[in-house]
């Protein structure tokens, strides 16, 4: 994954811009999470930390619910 991270993110952002979804995504309000993770971040995608929980990848929001 790591060698292709920038390419993947660029492709997704390009798709969102071409389909007029990028501005909506930037304008969405999200809940600010404050928690102390019990494990290391698996990776970070588009500014969202991703954790591995029971052999599944979950976003920081879902991970926080498991604490």
N, C-alpha and C. Protein backbone atom coordinates (compact mmCIF):
# COMPACT_ATOMS: atom_id res chain seq x y z
N UNK A 1 0.83 -1.19 0.00
CA UNK A 1 0.00 0.00 0.00
C UNK A 1 0.87 1.26 0.00
N UNK A 2 1.86 1.31 0.85
CA UNK A 2 2.64 2.53 1.06
C UNK A 2 3.25 3.10 -0.23
N UNK A 3 3.82 2.28 -1.11
CA UNK A 3 4.41 2.87 -2.32
C UNK A 3 3.37 3.55 -3.23
N UNK A 4 2.11 3.16 -3.12
CA UNK A 4 1.07 3.67 -4.01
C UNK A 4 0.11 4.64 -3.33
N UNK A 5 0.37 4.98 -2.07
CA UNK A 5 -0.54 5.83 -1.30
C UNK A 5 -0.85 7.14 -2.01
N UNK A 6 0.16 7.86 -2.43
CA UNK A 6 -0.05 9.16 -3.08
C UNK A 6 -0.80 9.01 -4.40
N UNK A 7 -0.49 7.98 -5.16
CA UNK A 7 -1.18 7.74 -6.43
C UNK A 7 -2.66 7.45 -6.21
N UNK A 8 -2.97 6.62 -5.21
CA UNK A 8 -4.36 6.28 -4.90
C UNK A 8 -5.13 7.52 -4.46
N UNK A 9 -4.55 8.29 -3.54
CA UNK A 9 -5.22 9.49 -3.06
C UNK A 9 -5.44 10.49 -4.20
N UNK A 10 -4.46 10.65 -5.06
CA UNK A 10 -4.58 11.55 -6.20
C UNK A 10 -5.70 11.10 -7.14
N UNK A 11 -5.79 9.82 -7.40
CA UNK A 11 -6.82 9.29 -8.29
C UNK A 11 -8.21 9.50 -7.70
N UNK A 12 -8.36 9.29 -6.40
CA UNK A 12 -9.66 9.47 -5.77
C UNK A 12 -10.05 10.94 -5.78
N UNK A 13 -9.12 11.81 -5.45
CA UNK A 13 -9.41 13.26 -5.45
C UNK A 13 -9.77 13.72 -6.86
N UNK A 14 -9.05 13.26 -7.85
CA UNK A 14 -9.35 13.61 -9.24
C UNK A 14 -10.76 13.16 -9.61
N UNK A 15 -11.13 11.94 -9.23
CA UNK A 15 -12.47 11.44 -9.50
C UNK A 15 -13.53 12.31 -8.82
N UNK A 16 -13.29 12.66 -7.55
CA UNK A 16 -14.26 13.49 -6.82
C UNK A 16 -14.40 14.86 -7.46
N UNK A 17 -13.33 15.43 -7.93
CA UNK A 17 -13.39 16.74 -8.60
C UNK A 17 -14.17 16.62 -9.91
N UNK A 18 -13.87 15.59 -10.70
CA UNK A 18 -14.54 15.41 -11.99
C UNK A 18 -16.03 15.12 -11.85
N UNK A 19 -16.45 14.55 -10.74
CA UNK A 19 -17.86 14.23 -10.53
C UNK A 19 -18.54 15.26 -9.62
N UNK A 20 -17.89 16.38 -9.41
CA UNK A 20 -18.43 17.49 -8.60
C UNK A 20 -18.80 17.09 -7.19
N UNK A 21 -18.04 16.19 -6.60
CA UNK A 21 -18.30 15.75 -5.23
C UNK A 21 -17.26 16.27 -4.24
N UNK A 22 -16.16 16.81 -4.75
CA UNK A 22 -15.05 17.21 -3.90
C UNK A 22 -15.43 18.35 -2.96
N UNK A 23 -16.09 19.37 -3.47
CA UNK A 23 -16.48 20.50 -2.64
C UNK A 23 -17.44 20.06 -1.53
N UNK A 24 -18.37 19.18 -1.85
CA UNK A 24 -19.31 18.67 -0.83
C UNK A 24 -18.56 17.93 0.27
N UNK A 25 -17.58 17.15 -0.13
CA UNK A 25 -16.79 16.40 0.85
C UNK A 25 -16.04 17.35 1.78
N UNK A 26 -15.48 18.40 1.22
CA UNK A 26 -14.73 19.36 2.04
C UNK A 26 -15.64 20.13 2.98
N UNK A 27 -16.88 20.33 2.58
CA UNK A 27 -17.82 21.12 3.38
C UNK A 27 -18.55 20.30 4.44
N UNK A 28 -18.43 18.97 4.38
CA UNK A 28 -19.10 18.14 5.38
C UNK A 28 -18.52 18.40 6.76
N UNK A 29 -19.40 18.48 7.72
CA UNK A 29 -18.94 18.65 9.09
C UNK A 29 -18.73 17.29 9.70
N UNK A 30 -17.67 17.17 10.42
CA UNK A 30 -17.39 15.91 11.10
C UNK A 30 -17.21 16.14 12.58
N UNK A 31 -17.37 15.09 13.33
CA UNK A 31 -17.19 15.17 14.78
C UNK A 31 -15.70 15.06 15.09
N UNK A 32 -15.21 15.96 15.90
CA UNK A 32 -13.82 15.93 16.31
C UNK A 32 -13.66 14.89 17.41
N UNK A 33 -12.79 13.92 17.18
CA UNK A 33 -12.61 12.84 18.14
C UNK A 33 -11.43 13.13 19.06
N UNK A 34 -11.63 12.87 20.33
CA UNK A 34 -10.53 12.97 21.29
C UNK A 34 -10.52 11.70 22.12
N UNK A 35 -9.54 10.86 21.86
CA UNK A 35 -9.40 9.61 22.59
C UNK A 35 -7.94 9.18 22.54
N UNK A 36 -7.59 8.33 23.46
CA UNK A 36 -6.23 7.78 23.49
C UNK A 36 -6.28 6.37 22.90
N UNK A 37 -5.72 6.19 21.72
CA UNK A 37 -5.76 4.85 21.11
C UNK A 37 -4.92 3.85 21.90
N UNK A 38 -5.39 2.62 21.91
CA UNK A 38 -4.68 1.56 22.62
C UNK A 38 -3.66 0.86 21.72
N UNK A 39 -3.69 1.17 20.44
CA UNK A 39 -2.76 0.54 19.51
C UNK A 39 -2.27 1.56 18.49
N UNK A 40 -1.30 1.15 17.70
CA UNK A 40 -0.72 2.01 16.69
C UNK A 40 -1.67 2.14 15.50
N UNK A 41 -1.57 3.26 14.81
CA UNK A 41 -2.35 3.48 13.59
C UNK A 41 -1.82 2.55 12.50
N UNK A 42 -2.72 1.88 11.80
CA UNK A 42 -2.33 0.99 10.70
C UNK A 42 -1.88 1.82 9.50
N UNK A 43 -2.69 2.84 9.14
CA UNK A 43 -2.34 3.77 8.08
C UNK A 43 -3.23 5.00 8.20
N UNK A 44 -2.98 5.98 7.37
CA UNK A 44 -3.78 7.20 7.36
C UNK A 44 -4.25 7.43 5.94
N UNK A 45 -5.57 7.51 5.75
CA UNK A 45 -6.14 7.72 4.43
C UNK A 45 -6.94 9.01 4.42
N UNK A 46 -6.52 9.95 3.61
CA UNK A 46 -7.22 11.23 3.48
C UNK A 46 -7.37 11.93 4.82
N UNK A 47 -6.37 11.80 5.67
CA UNK A 47 -6.40 12.47 6.96
C UNK A 47 -7.15 11.74 8.05
N UNK A 48 -7.62 10.54 7.77
CA UNK A 48 -8.35 9.74 8.75
C UNK A 48 -7.49 8.55 9.14
N UNK A 49 -7.22 8.41 10.42
CA UNK A 49 -6.43 7.27 10.89
C UNK A 49 -7.24 5.99 10.75
N UNK A 50 -6.56 4.93 10.36
CA UNK A 50 -7.18 3.62 10.18
C UNK A 50 -6.48 2.64 11.11
N UNK A 51 -7.27 1.86 11.81
CA UNK A 51 -6.76 0.87 12.75
C UNK A 51 -7.16 -0.53 12.31
N UNK A 52 -6.39 -1.52 12.76
CA UNK A 52 -6.73 -2.92 12.50
C UNK A 52 -7.31 -3.50 13.78
N UNK A 53 -8.58 -3.90 13.70
CA UNK A 53 -9.29 -4.46 14.85
C UNK A 53 -9.87 -5.80 14.44
N UNK A 54 -9.46 -6.85 15.11
CA UNK A 54 -9.94 -8.20 14.82
C UNK A 54 -9.88 -8.51 13.32
N UNK A 55 -8.74 -8.29 12.72
CA UNK A 55 -8.49 -8.57 11.30
C UNK A 55 -9.34 -7.74 10.35
N UNK A 56 -9.90 -6.62 10.82
CA UNK A 56 -10.67 -5.71 9.97
C UNK A 56 -10.06 -4.32 10.10
N UNK A 57 -10.09 -3.56 9.01
CA UNK A 57 -9.62 -2.18 9.05
C UNK A 57 -10.81 -1.28 9.36
N UNK A 58 -10.65 -0.41 10.36
CA UNK A 58 -11.74 0.50 10.76
C UNK A 58 -11.20 1.92 10.87
N UNK A 59 -12.09 2.89 10.62
CA UNK A 59 -11.71 4.29 10.72
C UNK A 59 -11.57 4.67 12.19
N UNK A 60 -10.97 5.83 12.44
CA UNK A 60 -10.76 6.27 13.83
C UNK A 60 -12.09 6.43 14.55
N UNK A 61 -13.14 6.82 13.84
CA UNK A 61 -14.46 6.94 14.48
C UNK A 61 -14.99 5.61 14.96
N UNK A 62 -14.87 4.59 14.11
CA UNK A 62 -15.31 3.25 14.50
C UNK A 62 -14.42 2.68 15.58
N UNK A 63 -13.13 2.95 15.49
CA UNK A 63 -12.19 2.45 16.49
C UNK A 63 -12.50 3.04 17.86
N UNK A 64 -12.83 4.32 17.90
CA UNK A 64 -13.14 4.99 19.17
C UNK A 64 -14.34 4.35 19.85
N UNK A 65 -15.28 3.85 19.06
CA UNK A 65 -16.47 3.19 19.62
C UNK A 65 -16.13 1.89 20.32
N UNK A 66 -14.99 1.28 19.94
CA UNK A 66 -14.61 -0.01 20.54
C UNK A 66 -13.90 0.17 21.88
N UNK A 67 -13.51 1.40 22.21
CA UNK A 67 -12.77 1.63 23.45
C UNK A 67 -13.69 1.71 24.64
